[in-house]
Amino acid sequence: GAPRSNQWYTLTSAQEDCSCPSCTDPPGSLLGTTLPAFVLQEGSYMQSYVPVAGAGQEYPLRCEPGYTPSGDFQCAAVSLHRAEFQQFPTCLPNNCTGPPPDVPNGVVQCEDSTQWLNGHVCTVICE
């Protein structure tokens, strides 16, 4: 046929379905990956997370009582044909809900008396 050199001229067009790569292994099951400490039920619930398309979907981390997840797991494509869970959140200790109890014949002094964050230190001074 005759050559076409017009800008924006379409030679051919077609519509084709293509499959998105999928996460086929749950978080922590691939070599070199581990589940975070304090994950609920040793992560057995994560079997329901696969297979899933690697388009950035997020799935919750569930932690044991006393811990809060730092975020969600995320399945993302690592190549045209493969996806893996990329984001591994952690289980963080919950903050305290208030100050420590009063101590008889003592004074409790804390680093910050307005927030009771995990890891803050309180000391007891005997009177």
Protein backbone atom coordinates (compact mmCIF):
# COMPACT_ATOMS: atom_id res chain seq x y z
CA GLY A 1 0.00 0.00 0.00
CA ALA A 2 0.83 3.62 -0.12
CA PRO A 3 2.98 4.97 2.71
CA ARG A 4 1.27 7.24 5.22
CA SER A 5 3.16 10.09 6.79
CA ASN A 6 0.36 12.22 8.18
CA GLN A 7 0.80 13.07 11.82
CA TRP A 8 -1.70 11.32 14.13
CA TYR A 9 -2.73 8.86 11.40
CA THR A 10 -3.69 5.45 12.84
CA LEU A 11 -2.28 2.50 10.92
CA THR A 12 -4.35 -0.08 12.78
CA SER A 13 -6.18 -0.34 16.06
CA ALA A 14 -7.23 -3.27 18.15
CA GLN A 15 -8.60 -3.92 21.59
CA GLU A 16 -7.02 -6.69 23.57
CA ASP A 17 -7.54 -7.92 27.12
CA CYS A 18 -4.36 -8.24 29.10
CA SER A 19 -4.08 -9.71 32.53
CA CYS A 20 -2.57 -7.76 35.35
CA PRO A 21 0.15 -9.66 37.26
CA SER A 22 -1.16 -11.18 40.47
CA CYS A 23 0.08 -11.75 43.98
CA THR A 24 -0.21 -15.52 44.28
CA ASP A 25 1.65 -15.92 47.57
CA PRO A 26 0.35 -14.43 50.83
CA PRO A 27 2.51 -11.95 52.76
CA GLY A 28 5.50 -13.58 54.45
CA SER A 29 5.47 -16.78 52.39
CA LEU A 30 8.16 -15.86 49.83
CA LEU A 31 11.79 -16.69 50.55
CA GLY A 32 13.44 -13.84 52.39
CA THR A 33 10.21 -12.32 53.73
CA THR A 34 8.88 -12.68 57.24
CA LEU A 35 5.69 -11.65 58.94
CA PRO A 36 5.88 -8.94 61.56
CA ALA A 37 6.07 -9.87 65.23
CA PHE A 38 2.75 -9.99 67.11
CA VAL A 39 0.67 -10.73 64.01
CA LEU A 40 -2.72 -12.25 64.83
CA GLN A 41 -3.15 -16.02 64.37
CA GLU A 42 0.38 -16.29 62.95
CA GLY A 43 -0.99 -14.75 59.74
CA SER A 44 -3.25 -17.69 58.84
CA TYR A 45 -6.00 -15.25 57.78
CA MET A 46 -3.74 -13.94 54.98
CA GLN A 47 -4.46 -16.99 52.79
CA SER A 48 -7.67 -15.16 51.82
CA TYR A 49 -5.56 -12.30 50.36
CA VAL A 50 -4.49 -14.36 47.32
CA PRO A 51 -4.72 -14.52 44.40
CA VAL A 52 -5.22 -10.80 43.84
CA ALA A 53 -4.29 -8.43 41.00
CA GLY A 54 -1.10 -6.46 41.60
CA ALA A 55 -2.68 -3.08 41.14
CA GLY A 56 -1.86 -1.60 44.51
CA GLN A 57 -4.73 -3.09 46.51
CA GLU A 58 -4.25 -2.91 50.25
CA TYR A 59 -5.09 -5.60 52.80
CA PRO A 60 -5.09 -5.12 56.57
CA LEU A 61 -2.54 -6.43 58.99
CA ARG A 62 -4.28 -7.79 62.08
CA CYS A 63 -2.29 -7.64 65.31
CA GLU A 64 -2.55 -9.42 68.64
CA PRO A 65 -4.37 -7.59 71.46
CA GLY A 66 -2.25 -4.75 72.83
CA TYR A 67 -0.77 -3.92 69.40
CA THR A 68 -1.86 -1.67 66.52
CA PRO A 69 -0.89 -2.07 62.83
CA SER A 70 1.33 0.65 61.35
CA GLY A 71 -0.40 0.26 57.97
CA ASP A 72 -1.66 -2.27 55.43
CA PHE A 73 -0.06 -4.86 53.15
CA GLN A 74 0.04 -3.76 49.50
CA CYS A 75 0.14 -6.01 46.42
CA ALA A 76 2.04 -4.35 43.57
CA ALA A 77 3.45 -5.44 40.21
CA VAL A 78 7.21 -6.07 40.16
CA SER A 79 7.27 -6.99 36.46
CA LEU A 80 4.84 -7.48 33.57
CA HIS A 81 4.12 -11.02 34.77
CA ARG A 82 4.65 -11.00 38.53
CA ALA A 83 3.35 -9.14 41.58
CA GLU A 84 4.30 -9.38 45.26
CA PHE A 85 3.21 -7.89 48.53
CA GLN A 86 5.58 -4.93 48.76
CA GLN A 87 4.60 -3.03 51.85
CA PHE A 88 5.13 -4.85 55.14
CA PRO A 89 3.60 -2.98 58.06
CA THR A 90 4.47 -3.76 61.68
CA CYS A 91 2.52 -4.34 64.90
CA LEU A 92 3.29 -1.48 67.27
CA PRO A 93 2.59 -1.57 71.02
CA ASN A 94 -0.52 0.40 71.98
CA ASN A 95 -0.06 3.61 73.94
CA CYS A 96 -1.12 3.69 77.57
CA THR A 97 -4.60 4.98 78.31
CA GLY A 98 -3.56 7.12 81.28
CA PRO A 99 -0.95 7.67 83.96
CA PRO A 100 0.38 4.85 86.13
CA PRO A 101 -1.48 4.24 89.40
CA ASP A 102 -0.67 6.24 92.50
CA VAL A 103 1.96 4.71 94.76
CA PRO A 104 1.50 4.91 98.55
CA ASN A 105 4.14 7.19 100.07
CA GLY A 106 5.47 8.01 96.62
CA VAL A 107 5.25 10.59 93.86
CA VAL A 108 5.02 9.46 90.24
CA GLN A 109 6.85 11.70 87.75
CA CYS A 110 6.52 11.09 84.01
CA GLU A 111 8.39 12.52 81.02
CA ASP A 112 5.17 14.01 79.65
CA SER A 113 2.08 14.34 81.79
CA THR A 114 -0.26 15.09 78.87
CA GLN A 115 0.40 12.04 76.68
CA TRP A 116 0.89 8.44 77.75
CA LEU A 117 2.91 7.14 74.81
CA ASN A 118 4.37 3.67 74.77
CA GLY A 119 8.02 3.80 75.82
CA HIS A 120 7.76 6.96 77.92
CA VAL A 121 9.36 6.62 81.34
CA CYS A 122 7.78 7.38 84.70
CA THR A 123 9.76 7.31 87.94
CA VAL A 124 8.55 6.90 91.51
CA ILE A 125 10.12 9.05 94.21
CA CYS A 126 9.57 7.85 97.76
CA GLU A 127 8.47 10.47 100.29
